[in-house]
Amino acid sequence: MDKKAKKRIELLNKKLHDIQQRLAGARKQMDDESEVRQLEADLAATKAEIEKLKAS
């Protein structure tokens, strides 16, 4: 894994943490179900990208 990939993983981990916090808040409020679905999709995409980078 090169330096660029490590930096990208670090950035994605921060994004992952942010999405998890927003998702927890959205689940408490449940004002907009589409927001929860969107955050879950973003979370899955971010995790997939991290795994892809770790595999390379």
C-alpha atoms as a PDB file:
ATOM      1  CA  MET A   1       0.000   0.000   0.000  1.00  0.00           C
ATOM      2  CA  ASP A   2       1.469   3.326  -0.990  1.00  0.00           C
ATOM      3  CA  LYS A   3       1.435   6.599   0.871  1.00  0.00           C
ATOM      4  CA  LYS A   4      -1.462   7.953  -1.185  1.00  0.00           C
ATOM      5  CA  ALA A   5      -3.662   4.944  -0.360  1.00  0.00           C
ATOM      6  CA  LYS A   6      -2.867   5.219   3.354  1.00  0.00           C
ATOM      7  CA  LYS A   7      -3.828   8.899   3.313  1.00  0.00           C
ATOM      8  CA  ARG A   8      -7.077   8.071   1.472  1.00  0.00           C
ATOM      9  CA  ILE A   9      -7.920   5.351   4.033  1.00  0.00           C
ATOM     10  CA  GLU A  10      -7.276   7.805   6.863  1.00  0.00           C
ATOM     11  CA  LEU A  11      -9.622  10.323   5.222  1.00  0.00           C
ATOM     12  CA  LEU A  12     -12.271   7.648   4.643  1.00  0.00           C
ATOM     13  CA  ASN A  13     -12.075   6.527   8.276  1.00  0.00           C
ATOM     14  CA  LYS A  14     -12.831  10.094   9.379  1.00  0.00           C
ATOM     15  CA  LYS A  15     -15.724  10.221   6.916  1.00  0.00           C
ATOM     16  CA  LEU A  16     -16.946   6.852   8.218  1.00  0.00           C
ATOM     17  CA  HIS A  17     -16.970   8.135  11.787  1.00  0.00           C
ATOM     18  CA  ASP A  18     -18.895  11.249  10.722  1.00  0.00           C
ATOM     19  CA  ILE A  19     -21.476   9.224   8.801  1.00  0.00           C
ATOM     20  CA  GLN A  20     -21.964   6.862  11.755  1.00  0.00           C
ATOM     21  CA  GLN A  21     -22.663   9.796  14.072  1.00  0.00           C
ATOM     22  CA  ARG A  22     -25.089  11.387  11.605  1.00  0.00           C
ATOM     23  CA  LEU A  23     -26.824   8.038  11.107  1.00  0.00           C
ATOM     24  CA  ALA A  24     -27.268   7.556  14.852  1.00  0.00           C
ATOM     25  CA  GLY A  25     -28.814  11.020  15.097  1.00  0.00           C
ATOM     26  CA  ALA A  26     -31.057  10.428  12.101  1.00  0.00           C
ATOM     27  CA  ARG A  27     -32.288   7.149  13.592  1.00  0.00           C
ATOM     28  CA  LYS A  28     -33.183   8.913  16.846  1.00  0.00           C
ATOM     29  CA  GLN A  29     -35.129  11.645  15.042  1.00  0.00           C
ATOM     30  CA  MET A  30     -36.632   9.583  12.190  1.00  0.00           C
ATOM     31  CA  ASP A  31     -38.034  12.741  10.592  1.00  0.00           C
ATOM     32  CA  ASP A  32     -37.001  11.613   7.141  1.00  0.00           C
ATOM     33  CA  GLU A  33     -36.609   7.915   6.375  1.00  0.00           C
ATOM     34  CA  SER A  34     -34.902   8.649   3.065  1.00  0.00           C
ATOM     35  CA  GLU A  35     -32.095  10.390   4.973  1.00  0.00           C
ATOM     36  CA  VAL A  36     -31.476   7.213   6.982  1.00  0.00           C
ATOM     37  CA  ARG A  37     -31.408   5.112   3.796  1.00  0.00           C
ATOM     38  CA  GLN A  38     -29.017   7.582   2.140  1.00  0.00           C
ATOM     39  CA  LEU A  39     -26.674   7.581   5.132  1.00  0.00           C
ATOM     40  CA  GLU A  40     -26.717   3.777   5.227  1.00  0.00           C
ATOM     41  CA  ALA A  41     -25.834   3.692   1.532  1.00  0.00           C
ATOM     42  CA  ASP A  42     -23.000   6.199   2.084  1.00  0.00           C
ATOM     43  CA  LEU A  43     -21.744   4.103   4.986  1.00  0.00           C
ATOM     44  CA  ALA A  44     -21.709   0.934   2.899  1.00  0.00           C
ATOM     45  CA  ALA A  45     -19.968   2.671  -0.013  1.00  0.00           C
ATOM     46  CA  THR A  46     -17.303   4.124   2.268  1.00  0.00           C
ATOM     47  CA  LYS A  47     -16.653   0.749   3.903  1.00  0.00           C
ATOM     48  CA  ALA A  48     -16.405  -0.891   0.472  1.00  0.00           C
ATOM     49  CA  GLU A  49     -13.887   1.688  -0.711  1.00  0.00           C
ATOM     50  CA  ILE A  50     -11.766   1.182   2.418  1.00  0.00           C
ATOM     51  CA  GLU A  51     -11.758  -2.586   1.869  1.00  0.00           C
ATOM     52  CA  LYS A  52     -10.857  -2.118  -1.800  1.00  0.00           C
ATOM     53  CA  LEU A  53      -7.915   0.103  -0.878  1.00  0.00           C
ATOM     54  CA  LYS A  54      -6.715  -2.297   1.822  1.00  0.00           C
ATOM     55  CA  ALA A  55      -6.853  -5.194  -0.635  1.00  0.00           C
ATOM     56  CA  SER A  56      -4.691  -3.426  -3.194  1.00  0.00           C
END
